[in-house]
Amino acid sequence: MQLFEDLFTRLNALVSGHRLRKALAALLALTAIALALAPVLLPRGPSGEPTLVAARDLSAGTLLTAADTKVIHIPAELRPAGALSGQGPERMLAGAARAGEPLTDVRLVSPSHGPPGTSTVPLRLADPGVAELLHPGTRVDVVAANEHRRQLASAVTVVTVVTSAGESRSRPHSAKGPLVLVAVPSEAATPLASAALDGPVTVTLR
């Protein structure tokens, strides 16, 4: 009787070991399948480089807020040079932008400075009323307001219009009128500033 009991115990151990090996083999197979499918099934982060774009159509001179921009990811080879990756300090659009258009460093100016590679030149216009037509981002040509009407600068960007202390655009200006700050290429800044000191200047709108 004891012989049969020993034989039964050994057979049961063999069967149990076989089942355990089958269970382990099945578990390993499932693990291999899960690892193979993980790149497909698991959510992946966005591909491409983070790029700041206009969230809607924006006009020139817009002082950007969080509602005006958003960050999307685009392939590096399609990302324009100078593209921004996020909203930085207070910036203003130097020109109009369409919804979804990437925003680059040269498209934005600070309220008091022009884009990289430019210098800001203050101009006192011969006709103060012309300044009423200007706003940040306006593109203008600067012309000598004398009999020669010589063009002093072409396609420069208005950075801002500075009125005298205590004045607003809705109130009469002083006889001198407001200062118009324009961003011009750095190499042209000194000649333009000198010409503006030598004689009256005005601007034509583009």
N, C-alpha and C. Protein backbone atom coordinates (compact mmCIF):
# COMPACT_ATOMS: atom_id res chain seq x y z
N MET A 1 0.84 -1.19 0.00
CA MET A 1 0.00 0.00 0.00
C MET A 1 0.88 1.25 0.00
N GLN A 2 1.93 1.21 0.80
CA GLN A 2 2.84 2.35 0.87
C GLN A 2 3.51 2.59 -0.47
N LEU A 3 3.78 1.49 -1.22
CA LEU A 3 4.41 1.61 -2.53
C LEU A 3 3.54 2.39 -3.49
N PHE A 4 2.22 2.09 -3.48
CA PHE A 4 1.28 2.80 -4.36
C PHE A 4 1.19 4.29 -3.98
N GLU A 5 1.23 4.57 -2.68
CA GLU A 5 1.14 5.97 -2.24
C GLU A 5 2.38 6.76 -2.69
N ASP A 6 3.57 6.13 -2.58
CA ASP A 6 4.79 6.80 -3.04
C ASP A 6 4.76 7.04 -4.54
N LEU A 7 4.29 6.06 -5.30
CA LEU A 7 4.21 6.20 -6.75
C LEU A 7 3.25 7.32 -7.15
N PHE A 8 2.09 7.40 -6.47
CA PHE A 8 1.11 8.45 -6.75
C PHE A 8 1.68 9.85 -6.48
N THR A 9 2.43 9.95 -5.39
CA THR A 9 3.03 11.24 -5.02
C THR A 9 4.02 11.70 -6.08
N ARG A 10 4.86 10.75 -6.56
CA ARG A 10 5.84 11.09 -7.58
C ARG A 10 5.18 11.49 -8.90
N LEU A 11 4.14 10.75 -9.30
CA LEU A 11 3.42 11.09 -10.53
C LEU A 11 2.77 12.47 -10.43
N ASN A 12 2.19 12.75 -9.28
CA ASN A 12 1.53 14.06 -9.06
C ASN A 12 2.55 15.20 -9.13
N ALA A 13 3.75 14.98 -8.57
CA ALA A 13 4.80 15.99 -8.61
C ALA A 13 5.26 16.25 -10.04
N LEU A 14 5.37 15.14 -10.84
CA LEU A 14 5.77 15.29 -12.24
C LEU A 14 4.75 16.09 -13.03
N VAL A 15 3.47 15.76 -12.80
CA VAL A 15 2.39 16.47 -13.52
C VAL A 15 2.38 17.94 -13.12
N SER A 16 2.51 18.21 -11.82
CA SER A 16 2.51 19.60 -11.35
C SER A 16 3.68 20.37 -11.93
N GLY A 17 4.86 19.75 -11.99
CA GLY A 17 6.02 20.41 -12.58
C GLY A 17 5.83 20.69 -14.04
N HIS A 18 5.20 19.82 -14.77
CA HIS A 18 4.94 20.01 -16.18
C HIS A 18 3.98 21.18 -16.39
N ARG A 19 2.94 21.24 -15.54
CA ARG A 19 2.00 22.36 -15.63
C ARG A 19 2.68 23.69 -15.32
N LEU A 20 3.57 23.64 -14.32
CA LEU A 20 4.27 24.87 -13.96
C LEU A 20 5.14 25.36 -15.12
N ARG A 21 5.84 24.42 -15.77
CA ARG A 21 6.68 24.80 -16.90
C ARG A 21 5.84 25.36 -18.05
N LYS A 22 4.66 24.75 -18.28
CA LYS A 22 3.78 25.25 -19.34
C LYS A 22 3.28 26.65 -19.00
N ALA A 23 2.94 26.85 -17.72
CA ALA A 23 2.45 28.17 -17.31
C ALA A 23 3.54 29.23 -17.46
N LEU A 24 4.78 28.86 -17.06
CA LEU A 24 5.87 29.81 -17.22
C LEU A 24 6.16 30.12 -18.68
N ALA A 25 6.10 29.08 -19.52
CA ALA A 25 6.33 29.29 -20.95
C ALA A 25 5.26 30.21 -21.54
N ALA A 26 4.00 29.99 -21.13
CA ALA A 26 2.92 30.85 -21.63
C ALA A 26 3.11 32.29 -21.16
N LEU A 27 3.52 32.47 -19.90
CA LEU A 27 3.74 33.81 -19.37
C LEU A 27 4.85 34.52 -20.12
N LEU A 28 5.94 33.80 -20.42
CA LEU A 28 7.04 34.40 -21.16
C LEU A 28 6.61 34.79 -22.57
N ALA A 29 5.79 33.95 -23.20
CA ALA A 29 5.30 34.25 -24.54
C ALA A 29 4.43 35.51 -24.54
N LEU A 30 3.55 35.62 -23.53
CA LEU A 30 2.70 36.82 -23.43
C LEU A 30 3.53 38.07 -23.18
N THR A 31 4.57 37.93 -22.37
CA THR A 31 5.45 39.08 -22.10
C THR A 31 6.15 39.54 -23.37
N ALA A 32 6.62 38.60 -24.17
CA ALA A 32 7.29 38.94 -25.42
C ALA A 32 6.34 39.65 -26.38
N ILE A 33 5.09 39.17 -26.44
CA ILE A 33 4.10 39.81 -27.32
C ILE A 33 3.80 41.23 -26.84
N ALA A 34 3.66 41.40 -25.52
CA ALA A 34 3.35 42.73 -24.97
C ALA A 34 4.49 43.71 -25.26
N LEU A 35 5.75 43.25 -25.14
CA LEU A 35 6.88 44.12 -25.42
C LEU A 35 6.94 44.49 -26.90
N ALA A 36 6.57 43.56 -27.76
CA ALA A 36 6.59 43.84 -29.20
C ALA A 36 5.52 44.84 -29.60
N LEU A 37 4.35 44.78 -28.93
CA LEU A 37 3.24 45.67 -29.28
C LEU A 37 3.26 46.98 -28.52
N ALA A 38 4.12 47.11 -27.53
CA ALA A 38 4.12 48.32 -26.69
C ALA A 38 4.28 49.61 -27.49
N PRO A 39 5.22 49.68 -28.47
CA PRO A 39 5.36 50.94 -29.23
C PRO A 39 4.10 51.32 -29.99
N VAL A 40 3.28 50.33 -30.34
CA VAL A 40 2.06 50.60 -31.11
C VAL A 40 0.90 50.94 -30.19
N LEU A 41 0.77 50.19 -29.09
CA LEU A 41 -0.40 50.33 -28.23
C LEU A 41 -0.27 51.47 -27.24
N LEU A 42 0.95 51.72 -26.74
CA LEU A 42 1.12 52.76 -25.73
C LEU A 42 1.13 54.14 -26.39
N PRO A 43 0.50 55.13 -25.76
CA PRO A 43 0.50 56.48 -26.33
C PRO A 43 1.91 57.06 -26.35
N ARG A 44 2.25 57.70 -27.49
CA ARG A 44 3.56 58.30 -27.62
C ARG A 44 3.46 59.81 -27.50
N GLY A 45 4.53 60.44 -27.06
CA GLY A 45 4.57 61.89 -26.98
C GLY A 45 4.56 62.50 -28.38
N PRO A 46 4.27 63.77 -28.49
CA PRO A 46 4.23 64.41 -29.80
C PRO A 46 5.59 64.38 -30.47
N SER A 47 5.61 64.14 -31.77
CA SER A 47 6.86 64.12 -32.51
C SER A 47 7.14 65.50 -33.08
N GLY A 48 8.40 65.80 -33.31
CA GLY A 48 8.77 67.08 -33.87
C GLY A 48 9.18 68.07 -32.80
N GLU A 49 9.52 69.28 -33.25
CA GLU A 49 10.01 70.34 -32.37
C GLU A 49 8.86 71.25 -31.94
N PRO A 50 8.81 71.64 -30.65
CA PRO A 50 7.78 72.59 -30.21
C PRO A 50 7.97 73.93 -30.92
N THR A 51 6.88 74.45 -31.48
CA THR A 51 6.96 75.68 -32.27
C THR A 51 5.77 76.58 -31.94
N LEU A 52 6.05 77.84 -31.69
CA LEU A 52 5.00 78.81 -31.39
C LEU A 52 4.36 79.27 -32.69
N VAL A 53 3.03 79.17 -32.77
CA VAL A 53 2.30 79.61 -33.96
C VAL A 53 1.16 80.53 -33.54
N ALA A 54 0.65 81.27 -34.51
CA ALA A 54 -0.50 82.13 -34.26
C ALA A 54 -1.74 81.27 -34.08
N ALA A 55 -2.50 81.53 -33.02
CA ALA A 55 -3.71 80.75 -32.76
C ALA A 55 -4.88 81.22 -33.61
N ARG A 56 -4.77 82.41 -34.18
CA ARG A 56 -5.83 82.98 -35.03
C ARG A 56 -5.18 84.02 -35.93
N ASP A 57 -5.93 84.56 -36.86
CA ASP A 57 -5.40 85.63 -37.70
C ASP A 57 -5.10 86.84 -36.82
N LEU A 58 -3.89 87.38 -36.95
CA LEU A 58 -3.46 88.50 -36.12
C LEU A 58 -3.02 89.66 -37.00
N SER A 59 -3.33 90.85 -36.59
CA SER A 59 -2.95 92.04 -37.36
C SER A 59 -1.62 92.58 -36.86
N ALA A 60 -0.96 93.37 -37.69
CA ALA A 60 0.30 94.00 -37.31
C ALA A 60 0.07 94.89 -36.09
N GLY A 61 1.03 94.86 -35.19
CA GLY A 61 0.93 95.69 -33.99
C GLY A 61 0.23 95.02 -32.84
N THR A 62 -0.21 93.76 -33.01
CA THR A 62 -0.87 93.04 -31.92
C THR A 62 0.10 92.77 -30.79
N LEU A 63 -0.26 93.17 -29.58
CA LEU A 63 0.52 92.84 -28.39
C LEU A 63 0.09 91.45 -27.96
N LEU A 64 0.95 90.47 -28.13
CA LEU A 64 0.56 89.06 -28.00
C LEU A 64 0.22 88.69 -26.57
N THR A 65 -0.86 87.91 -26.44
CA THR A 65 -1.25 87.31 -25.17
C THR A 65 -1.29 85.80 -25.35
N ALA A 66 -1.55 85.08 -24.26
CA ALA A 66 -1.60 83.62 -24.33
C ALA A 66 -2.70 83.15 -25.28
N ALA A 67 -3.76 83.93 -25.42
CA ALA A 67 -4.87 83.54 -26.29
C ALA A 67 -4.53 83.70 -27.77
N ASP A 68 -3.48 84.45 -28.08
CA ASP A 68 -3.13 84.72 -29.47
C ASP A 68 -2.21 83.67 -30.07
N THR A 69 -1.58 82.85 -29.22
CA THR A 69 -0.60 81.88 -29.71
C THR A 69 -0.86 80.51 -29.12
N LYS A 70 -0.25 79.52 -29.73
CA LYS A 70 -0.25 78.16 -29.19
C LYS A 70 1.02 77.47 -29.64
N VAL A 71 1.35 76.36 -28.98
CA VAL A 71 2.55 75.61 -29.32
C VAL A 71 2.14 74.29 -29.97
N ILE A 72 2.68 74.03 -31.15
CA ILE A 72 2.46 72.76 -31.84
C ILE A 72 3.83 72.14 -32.11
N HIS A 73 3.83 70.86 -32.49
CA HIS A 73 5.08 70.17 -32.81
C HIS A 73 5.14 69.93 -34.32
N ILE A 74 6.21 70.38 -34.93
CA ILE A 74 6.39 70.18 -36.36
C ILE A 74 7.77 69.58 -36.60
N PRO A 75 7.95 68.83 -37.70
CA PRO A 75 9.26 68.23 -37.99
C PRO A 75 10.34 69.31 -38.07
N ALA A 76 11.52 68.98 -37.59
CA ALA A 76 12.62 69.94 -37.54
C ALA A 76 12.95 70.49 -38.92
N GLU A 77 12.84 69.65 -39.97
CA GLU A 77 13.20 70.11 -41.31
C GLU A 77 12.19 71.10 -41.88
N LEU A 78 10.98 71.15 -41.29
CA LEU A 78 9.96 72.09 -41.76
C LEU A 78 9.89 73.34 -40.89
N ARG A 79 10.67 73.35 -39.83
CA ARG A 79 10.63 74.47 -38.89
C ARG A 79 11.46 75.62 -39.44
N PRO A 80 10.88 76.83 -39.60
CA PRO A 80 11.65 77.94 -40.16
C PRO A 80 12.74 78.40 -39.22
N ALA A 81 13.78 78.98 -39.80
CA ALA A 81 14.89 79.51 -38.99
C ALA A 81 14.37 80.60 -38.06
N GLY A 82 14.82 80.57 -36.82
CA GLY A 82 14.42 81.58 -35.86
C GLY A 82 13.06 81.35 -35.24
N ALA A 83 12.44 80.18 -35.52
CA ALA A 83 11.12 79.91 -34.95
C ALA A 83 11.21 79.83 -33.43
N LEU A 84 10.20 80.36 -32.77
CA LEU A 84 10.16 80.36 -31.31
C LEU A 84 9.50 79.08 -30.80
N SER A 85 9.92 78.63 -29.62
CA SER A 85 9.36 77.40 -29.06
C SER A 85 8.31 77.67 -27.99
N GLY A 86 8.15 78.92 -27.59
CA GLY A 86 7.16 79.24 -26.57
C GLY A 86 7.02 80.74 -26.41
N GLN A 87 5.99 81.11 -25.67
CA GLN A 87 5.72 82.52 -25.42
C GLN A 87 6.78 83.08 -24.48
N GLY A 88 7.47 84.14 -24.90
CA GLY A 88 8.51 84.76 -24.10
C GLY A 88 8.02 86.04 -23.45
N PRO A 89 8.92 87.01 -23.31
CA PRO A 89 8.51 88.30 -22.75
C PRO A 89 7.48 88.98 -23.63
N GLU A 90 6.95 90.08 -23.13
CA GLU A 90 5.91 90.80 -23.88
C GLU A 90 6.44 91.15 -25.26
N ARG A 91 5.71 90.73 -26.28
CA ARG A 91 6.14 90.95 -27.66
C ARG A 91 4.97 91.45 -28.50
N MET A 92 5.34 92.12 -29.58
CA MET A 92 4.37 92.72 -30.49
C MET A 92 4.68 92.24 -31.90
N LEU A 93 3.63 92.00 -32.69
CA LEU A 93 3.81 91.56 -34.06
C LEU A 93 4.24 92.73 -34.94
N ALA A 94 5.33 92.54 -35.69
CA ALA A 94 5.77 93.57 -36.62
C ALA A 94 4.98 93.52 -37.92
N GLY A 95 4.31 92.41 -38.19
CA GLY A 95 3.50 92.27 -39.39
C GLY A 95 2.38 91.29 -39.14
N ALA A 96 1.37 91.32 -40.00
CA ALA A 96 0.21 90.43 -39.82
C ALA A 96 0.63 88.97 -39.93
N ALA A 97 -0.11 88.10 -39.26
CA ALA A 97 0.18 86.66 -39.29
C ALA A 97 -1.14 85.90 -39.42
N ARG A 98 -1.11 84.84 -40.19
CA ARG A 98 -2.27 83.97 -40.36
C ARG A 98 -2.32 82.92 -39.27
N ALA A 99 -3.51 82.40 -38.99
CA ALA A 99 -3.66 81.34 -38.01
C ALA A 99 -2.80 80.14 -38.41
N GLY A 100 -2.04 79.61 -37.46
CA GLY A 100 -1.17 78.47 -37.72
C GLY A 100 0.20 78.82 -38.24
N GLU A 101 0.46 80.10 -38.49
CA GLU A 101 1.77 80.51 -39.02
C GLU A 101 2.82 80.51 -37.91
N PRO A 102 3.97 79.84 -38.13
CA PRO A 102 5.03 79.87 -37.11
C PRO A 102 5.54 81.29 -36.90
N LEU A 103 5.80 81.63 -35.66
CA LEU A 103 6.29 82.96 -35.32
C LEU A 103 7.80 82.90 -35.10
N THR A 104 8.52 83.76 -35.80
CA THR A 104 9.98 83.78 -35.70
C THR A 104 10.44 85.04 -34.99
N ASP A 105 11.73 85.05 -34.64
CA ASP A 105 12.26 86.18 -33.88
C ASP A 105 12.16 87.51 -34.63
N VAL A 106 12.27 87.48 -35.96
CA VAL A 106 12.23 88.73 -36.71
C VAL A 106 10.81 89.24 -36.93
N ARG A 107 9.81 88.42 -36.63
CA ARG A 107 8.42 88.85 -36.78
C ARG A 107 7.90 89.59 -35.56
N LEU A 108 8.66 89.49 -34.45
CA LEU A 108 8.19 90.08 -33.20
C LEU A 108 9.13 91.18 -32.73
N VAL A 109 8.55 92.18 -32.11
CA VAL A 109 9.35 93.26 -31.52
C VAL A 109 8.85 93.48 -30.10
N SER A 110 9.71 94.06 -29.28
CA SER A 110 9.26 94.47 -27.95
C SER A 110 8.60 95.83 -28.10
N PRO A 111 7.82 96.27 -27.13
CA PRO A 111 7.18 97.58 -27.26
C PRO A 111 8.16 98.73 -27.40
N SER A 112 9.45 98.49 -27.13
CA SER A 112 10.41 99.59 -27.23
C SER A 112 11.64 99.27 -28.06
N HIS A 113 11.73 98.06 -28.61
CA HIS A 113 12.89 97.67 -29.40
C HIS A 113 12.45 96.95 -30.66
N GLY A 114 13.28 97.05 -31.70
CA GLY A 114 12.98 96.38 -32.95
C GLY A 114 13.50 94.95 -32.96
N PRO A 115 13.35 94.28 -34.11
CA PRO A 115 13.83 92.90 -34.24
C PRO A 115 15.35 92.83 -34.16
N PRO A 116 15.90 91.61 -34.00
CA PRO A 116 17.36 91.46 -33.98
C PRO A 116 17.99 92.03 -35.26
N GLY A 117 19.15 92.66 -35.12
CA GLY A 117 19.83 93.23 -36.27
C GLY A 117 19.35 94.62 -36.64
N THR A 118 18.47 95.19 -35.84
CA THR A 118 17.97 96.53 -36.11
C THR A 118 18.27 97.45 -34.92
N SER A 119 18.20 98.73 -35.20
CA SER A 119 18.31 99.74 -34.16
C SER A 119 17.06 100.63 -34.23
N THR A 120 16.70 101.20 -33.10
CA THR A 120 15.52 102.04 -33.04
C THR A 120 15.92 103.51 -33.15
N VAL A 121 15.30 104.19 -34.11
CA VAL A 121 15.60 105.60 -34.36
C VAL A 121 14.35 106.42 -34.09
N PRO A 122 14.43 107.44 -33.24
CA PRO A 122 13.28 108.30 -33.00
C PRO A 122 13.19 109.40 -34.06
N LEU A 123 11.99 109.63 -34.57
CA LEU A 123 11.77 110.65 -35.59
C LEU A 123 10.68 111.61 -35.12
N ARG A 124 10.91 112.88 -35.33
CA ARG A 124 9.88 113.89 -35.10
C ARG A 124 9.38 114.32 -36.47
N LEU A 125 8.15 113.96 -36.81
CA LEU A 125 7.65 114.19 -38.15
C LEU A 125 7.31 115.66 -38.38
N ALA A 126 7.50 116.10 -39.62
CA ALA A 126 7.21 117.49 -39.97
C ALA A 126 5.74 117.80 -39.77
N ASP A 127 4.88 116.85 -40.08
CA ASP A 127 3.43 117.02 -39.86
C ASP A 127 3.02 116.10 -38.72
N PRO A 128 2.79 116.64 -37.50
CA PRO A 128 2.44 115.78 -36.36
C PRO A 128 1.20 114.95 -36.60
N GLY A 129 0.30 115.42 -37.45
CA GLY A 129 -0.92 114.66 -37.70
C GLY A 129 -0.68 113.32 -38.37
N VAL A 130 0.44 113.19 -39.08
CA VAL A 130 0.74 111.91 -39.74
C VAL A 130 0.93 110.81 -38.70
N ALA A 131 1.47 111.18 -37.54
CA ALA A 131 1.69 110.19 -36.50
C ALA A 131 0.40 109.55 -36.03
N GLU A 132 -0.73 110.25 -36.20
CA GLU A 132 -2.02 109.69 -35.81
C GLU A 132 -2.37 108.46 -36.64
N LEU A 133 -1.77 108.35 -37.81
CA LEU A 133 -2.08 107.23 -38.72
C LEU A 133 -1.21 106.01 -38.44
N LEU A 134 -0.24 106.17 -37.55
CA LEU A 134 0.75 105.11 -37.34
C LEU A 134 0.44 104.32 -36.07
N HIS A 135 0.82 103.07 -36.10
CA HIS A 135 0.71 102.21 -34.92
C HIS A 135 1.84 101.19 -34.98
N PRO A 136 2.16 100.53 -33.88
CA PRO A 136 3.24 99.53 -33.91
C PRO A 136 3.01 98.48 -34.99
N GLY A 137 4.04 98.27 -35.78
CA GLY A 137 3.95 97.30 -36.87
C GLY A 137 3.71 97.92 -38.23
N THR A 138 3.32 99.18 -38.28
CA THR A 138 3.12 99.85 -39.57
C THR A 138 4.44 99.92 -40.32
N ARG A 139 4.40 99.62 -41.62
CA ARG A 139 5.60 99.70 -42.46
C ARG A 139 5.56 101.03 -43.21
N VAL A 140 6.66 101.77 -43.16
CA VAL A 140 6.71 103.10 -43.77
C VAL A 140 8.04 103.31 -44.49
N ASP A 141 8.03 104.29 -45.40
CA ASP A 141 9.26 104.83 -45.97
C ASP A 141 9.48 106.19 -45.34
N VAL A 142 10.71 106.49 -44.98
CA VAL A 142 11.05 107.79 -44.39
C VAL A 142 11.60 108.69 -45.49
N VAL A 143 11.03 109.90 -45.60
CA VAL A 143 11.37 110.81 -46.68
C VAL A 143 11.73 112.17 -46.09
N ALA A 144 12.71 112.81 -46.66
CA ALA A 144 13.06 114.17 -46.25
C ALA A 144 11.93 115.11 -46.67
N ALA A 145 11.45 115.90 -45.73
CA ALA A 145 10.31 116.78 -46.01
C ALA A 145 10.81 118.15 -46.46
N ASN A 146 11.58 118.17 -47.53
CA ASN A 146 12.05 119.43 -48.12
C ASN A 146 11.85 119.37 -49.62
N GLU A 147 12.43 120.29 -50.32
CA GLU A 147 12.19 120.36 -51.76
C GLU A 147 12.77 119.16 -52.50
N HIS A 148 13.74 118.49 -51.90
CA HIS A 148 14.36 117.34 -52.59
C HIS A 148 13.54 116.07 -52.45
N ARG A 149 12.81 115.94 -51.35
CA ARG A 149 11.97 114.75 -51.09
C ARG A 149 12.79 113.46 -51.22
N ARG A 150 13.99 113.48 -50.72
CA ARG A 150 14.87 112.31 -50.84
C ARG A 150 14.43 111.22 -49.87
N GLN A 151 14.41 109.97 -50.36
CA GLN A 151 14.06 108.85 -49.48
C GLN A 151 15.23 108.52 -48.59
N LEU A 152 14.97 108.50 -47.29
CA LEU A 152 16.03 108.26 -46.31
C LEU A 152 16.08 106.82 -45.83
N ALA A 153 14.94 106.13 -45.84
CA ALA A 153 14.88 104.73 -45.40
C ALA A 153 13.65 104.10 -46.05
N SER A 154 13.76 102.83 -46.37
CA SER A 154 12.68 102.14 -47.06
C SER A 154 12.17 100.96 -46.24
N ALA A 155 10.84 100.84 -46.20
CA ALA A 155 10.18 99.68 -45.58
C ALA A 155 10.66 99.43 -44.16
N VAL A 156 10.68 100.47 -43.35
CA VAL A 156 11.04 100.31 -41.94
C VAL A 156 9.77 100.11 -41.12
N THR A 157 9.92 99.56 -39.93
CA THR A 157 8.79 99.20 -39.09
C THR A 157 8.64 100.18 -37.94
N VAL A 158 7.42 100.67 -37.74
CA VAL A 158 7.14 101.52 -36.59
C VAL A 158 7.11 100.64 -35.34
N VAL A 159 7.94 100.98 -34.36
CA VAL A 159 7.96 100.23 -33.11
C VAL A 159 6.88 100.75 -32.16
N THR A 160 6.83 102.06 -32.02
CA THR A 160 5.79 102.66 -31.18
C THR A 160 5.74 104.15 -31.47
N VAL A 161 4.71 104.80 -30.99
CA VAL A 161 4.56 106.25 -31.10
C VAL A 161 4.50 106.80 -29.69
N VAL A 162 5.45 107.66 -29.35
CA VAL A 162 5.57 108.17 -27.99
C VAL A 162 5.06 109.60 -27.94
N THR A 163 4.04 109.83 -27.13
CA THR A 163 3.53 111.18 -26.95
C THR A 163 4.22 111.82 -25.77
N SER A 164 4.04 113.11 -25.62
CA SER A 164 4.63 113.82 -24.50
C SER A 164 3.98 113.35 -23.21
N ALA A 165 4.65 113.57 -22.08
CA ALA A 165 4.13 113.14 -20.78
C ALA A 165 2.76 113.73 -20.54
N GLY A 166 1.85 112.86 -20.15
CA GLY A 166 0.49 113.31 -19.83
C GLY A 166 -0.42 113.41 -21.03
N GLU A 167 0.11 113.23 -22.25
CA GLU A 167 -0.71 113.32 -23.44
C GLU A 167 -1.23 111.94 -23.83
N SER A 168 -2.31 111.92 -24.55
CA SER A 168 -2.80 110.71 -25.20
C SER A 168 -3.09 111.07 -26.63
N ARG A 169 -3.32 110.08 -27.45
CA ARG A 169 -3.56 110.36 -28.87
C ARG A 169 -4.87 111.10 -29.09
N SER A 170 -5.78 111.05 -28.12
CA SER A 170 -7.07 111.71 -28.28
C SER A 170 -7.00 113.20 -27.94
N ARG A 171 -5.85 113.65 -27.42
CA ARG A 171 -5.71 115.06 -27.05
C ARG A 171 -4.74 115.74 -28.00
N PRO A 172 -4.85 117.05 -28.18
CA PRO A 172 -3.94 117.76 -29.08
C PRO A 172 -2.49 117.57 -28.65
N HIS A 173 -1.62 117.43 -29.62
CA HIS A 173 -0.20 117.28 -29.34
C HIS A 173 0.44 118.65 -29.20
N SER A 174 1.62 118.63 -28.66
CA SER A 174 2.39 119.86 -28.62
C SER A 174 2.81 120.23 -30.03
N ALA A 175 3.35 121.41 -30.17
CA ALA A 175 3.73 121.87 -31.50
C ALA A 175 4.74 120.93 -32.16
N LYS A 176 5.60 120.31 -31.35
CA LYS A 176 6.60 119.41 -31.90
C LYS A 176 6.00 118.07 -32.30
N GLY A 177 4.92 117.67 -31.70
CA GLY A 177 4.30 116.41 -32.03
C GLY A 177 4.97 115.23 -31.36
N PRO A 178 4.40 114.05 -31.52
CA PRO A 178 4.95 112.86 -30.86
C PRO A 178 6.20 112.37 -31.56
N LEU A 179 6.94 111.54 -30.85
CA LEU A 179 8.09 110.86 -31.44
C LEU A 179 7.63 109.54 -32.04
N VAL A 180 8.08 109.28 -33.23
CA VAL A 180 7.80 108.00 -33.88
C VAL A 180 9.09 107.19 -33.86
N LEU A 181 9.07 106.05 -33.17
CA LEU A 181 10.24 105.18 -33.10
C LEU A 181 10.14 104.12 -34.19
N VAL A 182 11.15 104.07 -35.04
CA VAL A 182 11.16 103.10 -36.14
C VAL A 182 12.37 102.19 -36.00
N ALA A 183 12.20 100.93 -36.39
CA ALA A 183 13.29 99.95 -36.38
C ALA A 183 13.89 99.89 -37.78
N VAL A 184 15.18 100.18 -37.88
CA VAL A 184 15.88 100.16 -39.16
C VAL A 184 17.10 99.27 -39.03
N PRO A 185 17.63 98.73 -40.13
CA PRO A 185 18.87 97.97 -40.05
C PRO A 185 19.94 98.78 -39.34
N SER A 186 20.70 98.13 -38.49
CA SER A 186 21.65 98.84 -37.63
C SER A 186 22.61 99.73 -38.43
N GLU A 187 23.03 99.27 -39.62
CA GLU A 187 23.99 100.06 -40.39
C GLU A 187 23.36 101.34 -40.96
N ALA A 188 22.02 101.38 -41.03
CA ALA A 188 21.34 102.56 -41.57
C ALA A 188 20.85 103.50 -40.47
N ALA A 189 21.01 103.10 -39.21
CA ALA A 189 20.44 103.89 -38.11
C ALA A 189 21.11 105.25 -37.97
N THR A 190 22.43 105.28 -37.98
CA THR A 190 23.13 106.56 -37.78
C THR A 190 22.87 107.55 -38.91
N PRO A 191 22.96 107.14 -40.19
CA PRO A 191 22.64 108.09 -41.26
C PRO A 191 21.22 108.63 -41.18
N LEU A 192 20.26 107.77 -40.81
CA LEU A 192 18.88 108.22 -40.72
C LEU A 192 18.71 109.21 -39.57
N ALA A 193 19.30 108.90 -38.43
CA ALA A 193 19.19 109.81 -37.28
C ALA A 193 19.84 111.16 -37.60
N SER A 194 20.96 111.15 -38.31
CA SER A 194 21.62 112.40 -38.67
C SER A 194 20.77 113.22 -39.63
N ALA A 195 20.17 112.54 -40.61
CA ALA A 195 19.32 113.24 -41.58
C ALA A 195 18.10 113.84 -40.90
N ALA A 196 17.55 113.11 -39.89
CA ALA A 196 16.38 113.61 -39.18
C ALA A 196 16.73 114.84 -38.35
N LEU A 197 17.98 114.95 -37.91
CA LEU A 197 18.41 116.14 -37.15
C LEU A 197 18.71 117.32 -38.07
N ASP A 198 19.15 117.03 -39.30
CA ASP A 198 19.53 118.08 -40.24
C ASP A 198 18.32 118.79 -40.84
N GLY A 199 17.18 118.08 -40.93
CA GLY A 199 16.02 118.70 -41.56
C GLY A 199 14.77 117.93 -41.25
N PRO A 200 13.58 118.49 -41.60
CA PRO A 200 12.32 117.82 -41.30
C PRO A 200 12.17 116.54 -42.13
N VAL A 201 11.49 115.57 -41.53
CA VAL A 201 11.22 114.31 -42.23
C VAL A 201 9.73 113.98 -42.11
N THR A 202 9.27 113.15 -43.02
CA THR A 202 7.92 112.62 -42.95
C THR A 202 7.98 111.16 -43.38
N VAL A 203 6.84 110.50 -43.37
CA VAL A 203 6.79 109.10 -43.77
C VAL A 203 5.65 108.88 -44.75
N THR A 204 5.83 107.88 -45.59
CA THR A 204 4.74 107.42 -46.45
C THR A 204 4.40 106.00 -46.05
N LEU A 205 3.11 105.69 -45.99
CA LEU A 205 2.66 104.38 -45.53
C LEU A 205 2.71 103.39 -46.69
N ARG A 206 3.10 102.18 -46.35
CA ARG A 206 3.13 101.11 -47.35
C ARG A 206 1.84 100.31 -47.32
